[in-house]
Amino acid sequence: MKDILPLKRLFIKTELKEKSLINLSVSNTHYILNVLRIREKQKISIFNGFQGEWEGIIKSLNKKKSLILIYKQIKKQEENNLINIIYVPIKGHRNYYLIEKITELGVSNIYPIISEHSVIKKFNYKRANACAVAASQQSGRISVPKIHEFKSLKSILSSWNKKDKIIFCDETEKNFFFNDLFKSKPKEKINTILIGPEGGFSLSEKI
């Protein structure tokens, strides 16, 4: 019955290859011991975001030194469709819940921005990245979205490739709906969504 259950998963920032021995960080060791509750000689799934997914075996596991033997590749890295989200962070735990769901949906790049109506003036990268990693591990994806530098809306748009169209979510729009966009321009590839603050973008920003 144990072999039927899916392997528990771990993201690491290390190159992966067959028969290599990986020395785990203290934080990853803590995660395996206390969250995944895996013990020595048990199998685990490993991925680093660019070399696919690998099966490994816990060779040793303690608080000071833990080792995983990479056994074989079980899934090759896929070329996912590039999806970008530009958004204004919201207050408290809801922001990290949003990052979790964005990650589960397969978004490639997350661009947190500051707008005139922003409530959040600082962005906690460490917590946001930890949230994205955890969501990737739990959802089965073999990549982790890149979270970009916290910039102003103006700065992001001024450096954006003009050929890459952006879907702007305007809460005041009454006559144009999401499905209409794809009916009117079926041949145009649009892979970026811009989401404003809770109070919406200011009039000057919309212009």
N, C-alpha and C. Protein backbone atom coordinates (compact mmCIF):
# COMPACT_ATOMS: atom_id res chain seq x y z
N MET A 1 0.83 -1.21 0.00
CA MET A 1 0.00 0.00 0.00
C MET A 1 0.86 1.26 0.00
N LYS A 2 2.01 1.22 0.66
CA LYS A 2 2.88 2.38 0.76
C LYS A 2 3.42 2.81 -0.60
N ASP A 3 3.68 1.82 -1.49
CA ASP A 3 4.24 2.15 -2.80
C ASP A 3 3.22 2.86 -3.69
N ILE A 4 1.92 2.71 -3.39
CA ILE A 4 0.88 3.32 -4.20
C ILE A 4 0.74 4.81 -3.88
N LEU A 5 1.01 5.17 -2.65
CA LEU A 5 0.88 6.56 -2.23
C LEU A 5 1.90 7.44 -2.94
N PRO A 6 1.54 8.66 -3.33
CA PRO A 6 2.50 9.56 -3.97
C PRO A 6 3.62 9.93 -3.02
N LEU A 7 4.81 10.14 -3.57
CA LEU A 7 5.95 10.52 -2.74
C LEU A 7 5.77 11.93 -2.21
N LYS A 8 6.22 12.14 -1.01
CA LYS A 8 6.23 13.50 -0.47
C LYS A 8 7.33 14.28 -1.18
N ARG A 9 7.13 15.60 -1.32
CA ARG A 9 7.95 16.39 -2.23
C ARG A 9 8.75 17.47 -1.51
N LEU A 10 9.95 17.72 -2.07
CA LEU A 10 10.83 18.74 -1.49
C LEU A 10 11.49 19.54 -2.61
N PHE A 11 11.45 20.87 -2.49
CA PHE A 11 12.14 21.76 -3.41
C PHE A 11 13.50 22.13 -2.83
N ILE A 12 14.56 22.00 -3.63
CA ILE A 12 15.89 22.40 -3.19
C ILE A 12 16.58 23.19 -4.30
N LYS A 13 17.47 24.10 -3.92
CA LYS A 13 18.20 24.92 -4.89
C LYS A 13 19.56 24.29 -5.18
N THR A 14 19.54 23.06 -5.68
CA THR A 14 20.76 22.31 -5.94
C THR A 14 20.63 21.57 -7.26
N GLU A 15 21.73 21.46 -8.00
CA GLU A 15 21.71 20.68 -9.25
C GLU A 15 21.43 19.22 -8.93
N LEU A 16 20.62 18.60 -9.77
CA LEU A 16 20.22 17.21 -9.55
C LEU A 16 20.74 16.31 -10.67
N LYS A 17 21.32 15.20 -10.31
CA LYS A 17 21.73 14.20 -11.28
C LYS A 17 21.75 12.83 -10.63
N GLU A 18 21.64 11.81 -11.46
CA GLU A 18 21.54 10.44 -10.97
C GLU A 18 22.75 10.04 -10.12
N LYS A 19 22.47 9.40 -9.00
CA LYS A 19 23.46 8.87 -8.06
C LYS A 19 24.24 9.95 -7.31
N SER A 20 23.78 11.20 -7.40
CA SER A 20 24.46 12.26 -6.64
C SER A 20 23.94 12.25 -5.21
N LEU A 21 24.78 12.72 -4.30
CA LEU A 21 24.44 12.75 -2.88
C LEU A 21 24.24 14.21 -2.47
N ILE A 22 23.06 14.54 -2.00
CA ILE A 22 22.72 15.92 -1.66
C ILE A 22 22.76 16.13 -0.16
N ASN A 23 23.55 17.13 0.25
CA ASN A 23 23.62 17.50 1.66
C ASN A 23 22.56 18.56 1.93
N LEU A 24 21.59 18.25 2.76
CA LEU A 24 20.47 19.15 2.99
C LEU A 24 20.80 20.29 3.94
N SER A 25 20.14 21.42 3.72
CA SER A 25 20.27 22.55 4.63
C SER A 25 19.52 22.25 5.93
N VAL A 26 19.79 23.04 6.94
CA VAL A 26 19.12 22.86 8.24
C VAL A 26 17.61 23.05 8.09
N SER A 27 17.21 24.05 7.29
CA SER A 27 15.78 24.32 7.12
C SER A 27 15.07 23.18 6.40
N ASN A 28 15.72 22.61 5.37
CA ASN A 28 15.12 21.48 4.66
C ASN A 28 15.07 20.23 5.53
N THR A 29 16.09 20.06 6.36
CA THR A 29 16.10 18.93 7.30
C THR A 29 14.93 19.05 8.28
N HIS A 30 14.74 20.25 8.78
CA HIS A 30 13.63 20.51 9.71
C HIS A 30 12.29 20.23 9.03
N TYR A 31 12.17 20.63 7.76
CA TYR A 31 10.93 20.42 7.01
C TYR A 31 10.65 18.93 6.83
N ILE A 32 11.68 18.16 6.50
CA ILE A 32 11.51 16.71 6.30
C ILE A 32 11.13 16.01 7.60
N LEU A 33 11.80 16.39 8.67
CA LEU A 33 11.56 15.74 9.96
C LEU A 33 10.21 16.10 10.57
N ASN A 34 9.88 17.38 10.56
CA ASN A 34 8.74 17.86 11.33
C ASN A 34 7.47 18.13 10.54
N VAL A 35 7.61 18.35 9.23
CA VAL A 35 6.43 18.60 8.40
C VAL A 35 6.08 17.37 7.57
N LEU A 36 7.05 16.89 6.78
CA LEU A 36 6.81 15.70 5.96
C LEU A 36 6.83 14.42 6.79
N ARG A 37 7.55 14.46 7.89
CA ARG A 37 7.68 13.31 8.80
C ARG A 37 8.22 12.07 8.06
N ILE A 38 9.28 12.29 7.32
CA ILE A 38 9.97 11.21 6.62
C ILE A 38 11.17 10.79 7.46
N ARG A 39 11.51 9.53 7.40
CA ARG A 39 12.64 9.00 8.17
C ARG A 39 13.67 8.38 7.25
N GLU A 40 14.77 7.95 7.80
CA GLU A 40 15.85 7.34 7.02
C GLU A 40 15.35 6.13 6.23
N LYS A 41 15.92 5.97 5.03
CA LYS A 41 15.65 4.87 4.11
C LYS A 41 14.30 4.99 3.39
N GLN A 42 13.58 6.07 3.66
CA GLN A 42 12.33 6.30 2.93
C GLN A 42 12.59 7.10 1.66
N LYS A 43 11.69 6.94 0.68
CA LYS A 43 11.82 7.65 -0.59
C LYS A 43 11.19 9.04 -0.50
N ILE A 44 11.68 9.93 -1.35
CA ILE A 44 11.17 11.29 -1.40
C ILE A 44 11.31 11.82 -2.83
N SER A 45 10.44 12.72 -3.22
CA SER A 45 10.51 13.36 -4.53
C SER A 45 11.22 14.71 -4.39
N ILE A 46 12.18 14.97 -5.29
CA ILE A 46 12.99 16.19 -5.25
C ILE A 46 12.85 16.95 -6.57
N PHE A 47 12.73 18.28 -6.50
CA PHE A 47 12.76 19.09 -7.72
C PHE A 47 13.43 20.43 -7.41
N ASN A 48 14.03 21.03 -8.46
CA ASN A 48 14.72 22.31 -8.27
C ASN A 48 14.20 23.41 -9.18
N GLY A 49 13.17 23.11 -9.95
CA GLY A 49 12.55 24.13 -10.79
C GLY A 49 13.03 24.17 -12.22
N PHE A 50 14.11 23.44 -12.56
CA PHE A 50 14.60 23.49 -13.93
C PHE A 50 15.14 22.16 -14.46
N GLN A 51 15.19 21.12 -13.62
CA GLN A 51 15.71 19.82 -14.07
C GLN A 51 14.71 18.69 -13.89
N GLY A 52 13.45 19.02 -13.84
CA GLY A 52 12.44 17.98 -13.68
C GLY A 52 12.32 17.51 -12.24
N GLU A 53 11.71 16.33 -12.09
CA GLU A 53 11.47 15.77 -10.75
C GLU A 53 12.23 14.46 -10.60
N TRP A 54 12.80 14.25 -9.41
CA TRP A 54 13.65 13.08 -9.18
C TRP A 54 13.21 12.34 -7.92
N GLU A 55 13.44 11.03 -7.96
CA GLU A 55 13.19 10.20 -6.78
C GLU A 55 14.49 10.05 -6.01
N GLY A 56 14.41 10.26 -4.71
CA GLY A 56 15.59 10.13 -3.87
C GLY A 56 15.31 9.25 -2.66
N ILE A 57 16.37 8.86 -1.98
CA ILE A 57 16.25 8.05 -0.77
C ILE A 57 17.00 8.75 0.36
N ILE A 58 16.38 8.84 1.51
CA ILE A 58 17.02 9.45 2.67
C ILE A 58 18.10 8.51 3.19
N LYS A 59 19.36 8.92 3.06
CA LYS A 59 20.47 8.08 3.51
C LYS A 59 20.78 8.31 4.99
N SER A 60 20.73 9.55 5.41
CA SER A 60 20.92 9.86 6.83
C SER A 60 20.10 11.09 7.16
N LEU A 61 19.62 11.15 8.39
CA LEU A 61 18.73 12.24 8.75
C LEU A 61 18.87 12.57 10.24
N ASN A 62 19.50 13.70 10.50
CA ASN A 62 19.58 14.21 11.87
C ASN A 62 19.69 15.73 11.80
N LYS A 63 19.67 16.37 12.92
CA LYS A 63 19.64 17.83 12.95
C LYS A 63 20.91 18.48 12.42
N LYS A 64 22.04 17.78 12.50
CA LYS A 64 23.32 18.35 12.09
C LYS A 64 23.67 18.05 10.63
N LYS A 65 23.37 16.85 10.17
CA LYS A 65 23.75 16.47 8.81
C LYS A 65 22.74 15.49 8.24
N SER A 66 22.17 15.84 7.08
CA SER A 66 21.19 14.97 6.44
C SER A 66 21.55 14.82 4.97
N LEU A 67 21.42 13.61 4.45
CA LEU A 67 21.82 13.32 3.08
C LEU A 67 20.71 12.61 2.32
N ILE A 68 20.56 12.98 1.04
CA ILE A 68 19.62 12.30 0.15
C ILE A 68 20.40 11.78 -1.05
N LEU A 69 20.20 10.52 -1.39
CA LEU A 69 20.79 9.94 -2.59
C LEU A 69 19.77 10.06 -3.72
N ILE A 70 20.16 10.76 -4.79
CA ILE A 70 19.27 10.92 -5.94
C ILE A 70 19.30 9.62 -6.74
N TYR A 71 18.13 9.02 -6.89
CA TYR A 71 18.05 7.69 -7.49
C TYR A 71 17.78 7.73 -8.99
N LYS A 72 16.67 8.36 -9.39
CA LYS A 72 16.33 8.41 -10.82
C LYS A 72 15.38 9.57 -11.10
N GLN A 73 15.37 10.00 -12.36
CA GLN A 73 14.44 11.05 -12.76
C GLN A 73 13.07 10.42 -13.04
N ILE A 74 12.02 11.02 -12.50
CA ILE A 74 10.67 10.47 -12.69
C ILE A 74 9.79 11.39 -13.55
N LYS A 75 10.24 12.60 -13.79
CA LYS A 75 9.49 13.52 -14.65
C LYS A 75 10.44 14.56 -15.23
N LYS A 76 10.37 14.76 -16.55
CA LYS A 76 11.21 15.76 -17.19
C LYS A 76 10.59 17.15 -17.03
N GLN A 77 11.46 18.16 -17.09
CA GLN A 77 10.98 19.53 -16.97
C GLN A 77 10.15 19.88 -18.20
N GLU A 78 8.98 20.41 -17.97
CA GLU A 78 8.10 20.78 -19.07
C GLU A 78 8.24 22.26 -19.40
N GLU A 79 7.99 22.59 -20.67
CA GLU A 79 7.97 24.00 -21.08
C GLU A 79 6.56 24.51 -20.88
N ASN A 80 6.32 25.13 -19.74
CA ASN A 80 4.99 25.64 -19.45
C ASN A 80 4.73 26.96 -20.17
N ASN A 81 3.47 27.22 -20.45
CA ASN A 81 3.10 28.51 -21.03
C ASN A 81 3.43 29.62 -20.04
N LEU A 82 4.07 30.66 -20.53
CA LEU A 82 4.46 31.78 -19.68
C LEU A 82 3.23 32.59 -19.28
N ILE A 83 2.97 32.66 -17.98
CA ILE A 83 1.84 33.43 -17.47
C ILE A 83 2.36 34.40 -16.41
N ASN A 84 2.03 35.67 -16.57
CA ASN A 84 2.48 36.71 -15.64
C ASN A 84 1.30 37.33 -14.89
N ILE A 85 1.51 37.60 -13.62
CA ILE A 85 0.53 38.33 -12.83
C ILE A 85 1.20 39.59 -12.27
N ILE A 86 0.64 40.75 -12.59
CA ILE A 86 1.07 42.01 -11.98
C ILE A 86 -0.04 42.41 -11.02
N TYR A 87 0.29 42.57 -9.75
CA TYR A 87 -0.79 42.84 -8.79
C TYR A 87 -0.34 43.73 -7.65
N VAL A 88 -1.31 44.39 -7.04
CA VAL A 88 -1.06 45.22 -5.86
C VAL A 88 -1.32 44.35 -4.62
N PRO A 89 -0.30 44.10 -3.79
CA PRO A 89 -0.47 43.25 -2.60
C PRO A 89 -1.56 43.76 -1.67
N ILE A 90 -2.23 42.83 -1.02
CA ILE A 90 -3.28 43.16 -0.07
C ILE A 90 -2.81 42.88 1.35
N LYS A 91 -3.57 43.32 2.33
CA LYS A 91 -3.13 43.26 3.72
C LYS A 91 -3.15 41.84 4.30
N GLY A 92 -2.18 41.61 5.19
CA GLY A 92 -2.19 40.42 6.04
C GLY A 92 -2.05 39.09 5.34
N HIS A 93 -2.64 38.07 5.96
CA HIS A 93 -2.49 36.70 5.48
C HIS A 93 -3.15 36.49 4.12
N ARG A 94 -4.09 37.35 3.74
CA ARG A 94 -4.77 37.19 2.45
C ARG A 94 -3.79 37.33 1.29
N ASN A 95 -2.75 38.13 1.48
CA ASN A 95 -1.75 38.30 0.43
C ASN A 95 -1.03 36.99 0.15
N TYR A 96 -0.71 36.25 1.19
CA TYR A 96 0.02 34.99 1.03
C TYR A 96 -0.91 33.87 0.56
N TYR A 97 -2.17 33.97 0.92
CA TYR A 97 -3.17 33.05 0.37
C TYR A 97 -3.29 33.26 -1.14
N LEU A 98 -3.24 34.52 -1.56
CA LEU A 98 -3.30 34.85 -2.98
C LEU A 98 -2.09 34.28 -3.72
N ILE A 99 -0.90 34.44 -3.15
CA ILE A 99 0.31 33.89 -3.76
C ILE A 99 0.22 32.37 -3.87
N GLU A 100 -0.30 31.75 -2.84
CA GLU A 100 -0.49 30.29 -2.85
C GLU A 100 -1.37 29.86 -4.02
N LYS A 101 -2.49 30.53 -4.22
CA LYS A 101 -3.42 30.16 -5.28
C LYS A 101 -2.87 30.50 -6.66
N ILE A 102 -2.15 31.62 -6.78
CA ILE A 102 -1.50 31.98 -8.04
C ILE A 102 -0.51 30.89 -8.43
N THR A 103 0.25 30.42 -7.46
CA THR A 103 1.23 29.36 -7.70
C THR A 103 0.55 28.08 -8.15
N GLU A 104 -0.50 27.70 -7.47
CA GLU A 104 -1.22 26.46 -7.81
C GLU A 104 -1.80 26.51 -9.22
N LEU A 105 -2.13 27.70 -9.70
CA LEU A 105 -2.68 27.86 -11.05
C LEU A 105 -1.61 27.79 -12.13
N GLY A 106 -0.34 27.79 -11.74
CA GLY A 106 0.74 27.64 -12.71
C GLY A 106 1.35 28.92 -13.23
N VAL A 107 1.15 30.03 -12.53
CA VAL A 107 1.73 31.30 -12.95
C VAL A 107 3.26 31.24 -12.90
N SER A 108 3.92 31.82 -13.89
CA SER A 108 5.38 31.77 -13.99
C SER A 108 6.07 32.93 -13.28
N ASN A 109 5.49 34.12 -13.39
CA ASN A 109 6.10 35.33 -12.83
C ASN A 109 5.07 36.13 -12.04
N ILE A 110 5.48 36.58 -10.86
CA ILE A 110 4.63 37.40 -10.01
C ILE A 110 5.30 38.76 -9.82
N TYR A 111 4.61 39.82 -10.20
CA TYR A 111 5.15 41.18 -10.09
C TYR A 111 4.33 41.97 -9.07
N PRO A 112 4.78 42.07 -7.82
CA PRO A 112 4.08 42.92 -6.85
C PRO A 112 4.37 44.39 -7.14
N ILE A 113 3.35 45.23 -7.10
CA ILE A 113 3.55 46.64 -7.44
C ILE A 113 2.91 47.57 -6.40
N ILE A 114 3.36 48.83 -6.44
CA ILE A 114 2.80 49.88 -5.60
C ILE A 114 1.96 50.80 -6.49
N SER A 115 0.75 51.09 -6.06
CA SER A 115 -0.09 52.04 -6.80
C SER A 115 -0.46 53.20 -5.87
N GLU A 116 -1.15 54.18 -6.40
CA GLU A 116 -1.53 55.35 -5.60
C GLU A 116 -2.46 54.98 -4.45
N HIS A 117 -3.23 53.92 -4.62
CA HIS A 117 -4.17 53.48 -3.58
C HIS A 117 -3.66 52.28 -2.78
N SER A 118 -2.35 52.01 -2.89
CA SER A 118 -1.79 50.86 -2.16
C SER A 118 -1.89 51.05 -0.65
N VAL A 119 -2.20 49.97 0.04
CA VAL A 119 -2.18 49.96 1.50
C VAL A 119 -0.83 49.43 1.97
N ILE A 120 -0.27 48.47 1.23
CA ILE A 120 1.00 47.86 1.57
C ILE A 120 2.14 48.65 0.94
N LYS A 121 3.07 49.12 1.75
CA LYS A 121 4.22 49.88 1.25
C LYS A 121 5.52 49.08 1.26
N LYS A 122 5.51 47.95 1.98
CA LYS A 122 6.68 47.07 2.02
C LYS A 122 6.23 45.65 1.68
N PHE A 123 7.12 44.90 1.04
CA PHE A 123 6.77 43.55 0.61
C PHE A 123 7.74 42.56 1.23
N ASN A 124 7.21 41.55 1.91
CA ASN A 124 8.03 40.54 2.59
C ASN A 124 8.39 39.43 1.61
N TYR A 125 9.56 39.57 0.95
CA TYR A 125 9.98 38.60 -0.06
C TYR A 125 10.20 37.22 0.53
N LYS A 126 10.81 37.16 1.70
CA LYS A 126 11.14 35.88 2.32
C LYS A 126 9.88 35.06 2.55
N ARG A 127 8.87 35.68 3.11
CA ARG A 127 7.62 34.96 3.38
C ARG A 127 6.89 34.62 2.09
N ALA A 128 6.91 35.54 1.13
CA ALA A 128 6.23 35.30 -0.15
C ALA A 128 6.86 34.14 -0.90
N ASN A 129 8.20 34.10 -0.93
CA ASN A 129 8.90 33.00 -1.60
C ASN A 129 8.66 31.67 -0.90
N ALA A 130 8.66 31.70 0.43
CA ALA A 130 8.39 30.48 1.19
C ALA A 130 6.99 29.96 0.88
N CYS A 131 6.05 30.86 0.73
CA CYS A 131 4.67 30.50 0.41
C CYS A 131 4.59 29.88 -0.99
N ALA A 132 5.31 30.46 -1.95
CA ALA A 132 5.32 29.95 -3.32
C ALA A 132 5.96 28.56 -3.38
N VAL A 133 7.05 28.37 -2.65
CA VAL A 133 7.72 27.07 -2.61
C VAL A 133 6.79 26.02 -2.01
N ALA A 134 6.17 26.34 -0.89
CA ALA A 134 5.26 25.40 -0.22
C ALA A 134 4.10 25.02 -1.13
N ALA A 135 3.54 26.00 -1.84
CA ALA A 135 2.42 25.72 -2.75
C ALA A 135 2.86 24.84 -3.91
N SER A 136 4.08 25.04 -4.41
CA SER A 136 4.61 24.21 -5.49
C SER A 136 4.79 22.77 -5.02
N GLN A 137 5.34 22.62 -3.82
CA GLN A 137 5.55 21.28 -3.26
C GLN A 137 4.23 20.54 -3.09
N GLN A 138 3.22 21.23 -2.64
CA GLN A 138 1.95 20.59 -2.31
C GLN A 138 1.04 20.38 -3.52
N SER A 139 1.21 21.21 -4.55
CA SER A 139 0.31 21.13 -5.71
C SER A 139 0.80 20.20 -6.80
N GLY A 140 2.06 19.77 -6.72
CA GLY A 140 2.58 18.84 -7.71
C GLY A 140 3.31 19.48 -8.87
N ARG A 141 3.39 20.81 -8.94
CA ARG A 141 4.13 21.44 -10.02
C ARG A 141 5.62 21.30 -9.77
N ILE A 142 6.42 21.32 -10.83
CA ILE A 142 7.86 21.10 -10.68
C ILE A 142 8.66 22.37 -10.96
N SER A 143 8.00 23.50 -10.81
CA SER A 143 8.68 24.79 -10.90
C SER A 143 8.11 25.70 -9.82
N VAL A 144 8.84 26.75 -9.52
CA VAL A 144 8.39 27.74 -8.53
C VAL A 144 8.33 29.09 -9.22
N PRO A 145 7.24 29.83 -9.11
CA PRO A 145 7.16 31.13 -9.78
C PRO A 145 8.22 32.10 -9.27
N LYS A 146 8.71 32.94 -10.17
CA LYS A 146 9.67 33.96 -9.78
C LYS A 146 8.92 35.19 -9.28
N ILE A 147 9.28 35.65 -8.08
CA ILE A 147 8.66 36.85 -7.52
C ILE A 147 9.62 38.02 -7.74
N HIS A 148 9.18 38.99 -8.51
CA HIS A 148 10.06 40.08 -8.94
C HIS A 148 10.10 41.22 -7.93
N GLU A 149 10.97 42.17 -8.22
CA GLU A 149 11.18 43.32 -7.34
C GLU A 149 9.90 44.14 -7.18
N PHE A 150 9.68 44.62 -5.98
CA PHE A 150 8.52 45.44 -5.64
C PHE A 150 8.72 46.84 -6.22
N LYS A 151 7.95 47.19 -7.26
CA LYS A 151 8.13 48.46 -7.95
C LYS A 151 6.79 49.19 -8.08
N SER A 152 6.89 50.43 -8.54
CA SER A 152 5.67 51.19 -8.80
C SER A 152 5.04 50.72 -10.11
N LEU A 153 3.75 50.97 -10.26
CA LEU A 153 3.06 50.62 -11.49
C LEU A 153 3.71 51.30 -12.68
N LYS A 154 4.04 52.57 -12.52
CA LYS A 154 4.66 53.34 -13.60
C LYS A 154 5.98 52.73 -14.03
N SER A 155 6.79 52.31 -13.05
CA SER A 155 8.09 51.72 -13.35
C SER A 155 7.95 50.40 -14.11
N ILE A 156 7.00 49.58 -13.69
CA ILE A 156 6.77 48.30 -14.36
C ILE A 156 6.34 48.51 -15.81
N LEU A 157 5.37 49.39 -16.01
CA LEU A 157 4.82 49.60 -17.36
C LEU A 157 5.82 50.26 -18.30
N SER A 158 6.67 51.14 -17.75
CA SER A 158 7.65 51.84 -18.60
C SER A 158 8.71 50.88 -19.15
N SER A 159 8.97 49.80 -18.41
CA SER A 159 9.99 48.84 -18.85
C SER A 159 9.39 47.60 -19.51
N TRP A 160 8.08 47.56 -19.61
CA TRP A 160 7.40 46.39 -20.17
C TRP A 160 7.53 46.36 -21.69
N ASN A 161 7.71 45.18 -22.24
CA ASN A 161 7.78 45.02 -23.69
C ASN A 161 6.42 45.38 -24.30
N LYS A 162 6.40 46.38 -25.16
CA LYS A 162 5.14 46.88 -25.71
C LYS A 162 4.42 45.82 -26.55
N LYS A 163 5.15 44.82 -27.03
CA LYS A 163 4.53 43.76 -27.82
C LYS A 163 3.75 42.78 -26.96
N ASP A 164 4.08 42.74 -25.67
CA ASP A 164 3.40 41.84 -24.74
C ASP A 164 2.18 42.54 -24.15
N LYS A 165 1.02 42.19 -24.63
CA LYS A 165 -0.21 42.83 -24.21
C LYS A 165 -0.58 42.43 -22.78
N ILE A 166 -1.27 43.34 -22.10
CA ILE A 166 -1.67 43.12 -20.71
C ILE A 166 -3.19 43.23 -20.58
N ILE A 167 -3.79 42.27 -19.89
CA ILE A 167 -5.21 42.35 -19.56
C ILE A 167 -5.34 43.19 -18.29
N PHE A 168 -5.99 44.33 -18.40
CA PHE A 168 -6.18 45.22 -17.25
C PHE A 168 -7.56 44.98 -16.65
N CYS A 169 -7.60 44.54 -15.39
CA CYS A 169 -8.87 44.26 -14.71
C CYS A 169 -9.42 45.55 -14.10
N ASP A 170 -10.39 46.15 -14.78
CA ASP A 170 -10.99 47.42 -14.34
C ASP A 170 -12.36 47.14 -13.73
N GLU A 171 -12.48 47.37 -12.43
CA GLU A 171 -13.74 47.06 -11.73
C GLU A 171 -14.89 47.98 -12.13
N THR A 172 -14.59 49.09 -12.81
CA THR A 172 -15.65 50.02 -13.21
C THR A 172 -16.19 49.73 -14.61
N GLU A 173 -15.55 48.83 -15.32
CA GLU A 173 -15.99 48.51 -16.69
C GLU A 173 -17.32 47.74 -16.65
N LYS A 174 -18.29 48.23 -17.41
CA LYS A 174 -19.63 47.63 -17.39
C LYS A 174 -20.01 46.96 -18.71
N ASN A 175 -19.35 47.34 -19.80
CA ASN A 175 -19.79 46.89 -21.11
C ASN A 175 -18.84 45.91 -21.80
N PHE A 176 -17.71 45.62 -21.16
CA PHE A 176 -16.73 44.74 -21.80
C PHE A 176 -16.36 43.65 -20.80
N PHE A 177 -16.48 42.41 -21.23
CA PHE A 177 -16.24 41.29 -20.33
C PHE A 177 -15.03 40.47 -20.77
N PHE A 178 -14.54 39.65 -19.85
CA PHE A 178 -13.31 38.88 -20.08
C PHE A 178 -13.40 38.06 -21.37
N ASN A 179 -14.51 37.37 -21.59
CA ASN A 179 -14.66 36.52 -22.77
C ASN A 179 -14.64 37.33 -24.07
N ASP A 180 -15.07 38.59 -24.00
CA ASP A 180 -15.10 39.44 -25.19
C ASP A 180 -13.70 39.69 -25.74
N LEU A 181 -12.73 39.70 -24.87
CA LEU A 181 -11.36 39.96 -25.28
C LEU A 181 -10.88 38.92 -26.27
N PHE A 182 -11.20 37.67 -26.01
CA PHE A 182 -10.73 36.59 -26.86
C PHE A 182 -11.59 36.43 -28.12
N LYS A 183 -12.79 36.95 -28.07
CA LYS A 183 -13.63 36.93 -29.27
C LYS A 183 -13.17 37.98 -30.27
N SER A 184 -12.72 39.12 -29.75
CA SER A 184 -12.33 40.23 -30.62
C SER A 184 -10.93 40.08 -31.19
N LYS A 185 -10.04 39.41 -30.46
CA LYS A 185 -8.66 39.25 -30.91
C LYS A 185 -8.20 37.80 -30.71
N PRO A 186 -8.76 36.87 -31.46
CA PRO A 186 -8.46 35.46 -31.24
C PRO A 186 -7.03 35.06 -31.56
N LYS A 187 -6.35 35.82 -32.43
CA LYS A 187 -5.01 35.45 -32.84
C LYS A 187 -3.92 36.09 -31.99
N GLU A 188 -4.30 36.99 -31.14
CA GLU A 188 -3.31 37.72 -30.34
C GLU A 188 -3.06 37.00 -29.01
N LYS A 189 -1.81 36.71 -28.73
CA LYS A 189 -1.46 36.01 -27.50
C LYS A 189 -1.33 37.01 -26.35
N ILE A 190 -2.11 36.82 -25.31
CA ILE A 190 -2.05 37.68 -24.14
C ILE A 190 -1.80 36.80 -22.92
N ASN A 191 -0.69 37.03 -22.22
CA ASN A 191 -0.34 36.14 -21.12
C ASN A 191 -0.08 36.88 -19.80
N THR A 192 -0.50 38.15 -19.73
CA THR A 192 -0.26 38.93 -18.52
C THR A 192 -1.56 39.57 -18.03
N ILE A 193 -1.80 39.46 -16.73
CA ILE A 193 -2.99 40.05 -16.12
C ILE A 193 -2.56 41.08 -15.07
N LEU A 194 -3.15 42.26 -15.12
CA LEU A 194 -2.87 43.34 -14.17
C LEU A 194 -4.06 43.51 -13.23
N ILE A 195 -3.81 43.34 -11.93
CA ILE A 195 -4.86 43.42 -10.91
C ILE A 195 -4.54 44.57 -9.96
N GLY A 196 -5.49 45.46 -9.78
CA GLY A 196 -5.28 46.65 -8.96
C GLY A 196 -5.55 46.44 -7.48
N PRO A 197 -5.47 47.52 -6.71
CA PRO A 197 -5.71 47.47 -5.26
C PRO A 197 -7.19 47.30 -4.94
N GLU A 198 -7.49 47.11 -3.67
CA GLU A 198 -8.88 46.89 -3.25
C GLU A 198 -9.79 48.06 -3.64
N GLY A 199 -9.25 49.28 -3.63
CA GLY A 199 -10.04 50.45 -3.99
C GLY A 199 -9.97 50.81 -5.46
N GLY A 200 -9.27 49.99 -6.24
CA GLY A 200 -9.11 50.25 -7.66
C GLY A 200 -7.97 51.22 -7.96
N PHE A 201 -7.55 51.28 -9.21
CA PHE A 201 -6.52 52.23 -9.62
C PHE A 201 -7.11 53.64 -9.66
N SER A 202 -6.24 54.63 -9.48
CA SER A 202 -6.68 56.03 -9.57
C SER A 202 -6.96 56.37 -11.03
N LEU A 203 -7.66 57.46 -11.25
CA LEU A 203 -7.99 57.89 -12.61
C LEU A 203 -6.73 58.16 -13.42
N SER A 204 -5.73 58.78 -12.80
CA SER A 204 -4.48 59.08 -13.51
C SER A 204 -3.75 57.80 -13.91
N GLU A 205 -3.83 56.77 -13.09
CA GLU A 205 -3.18 55.50 -13.42
C GLU A 205 -3.89 54.79 -14.56
N LYS A 206 -5.20 54.91 -14.61
CA LYS A 206 -5.96 54.27 -15.69
C LYS A 206 -5.68 54.93 -17.02
N ILE A 207 -5.42 56.22 -16.99
CA ILE A 207 -5.10 56.95 -18.23
C ILE A 207 -3.71 56.61 -18.71
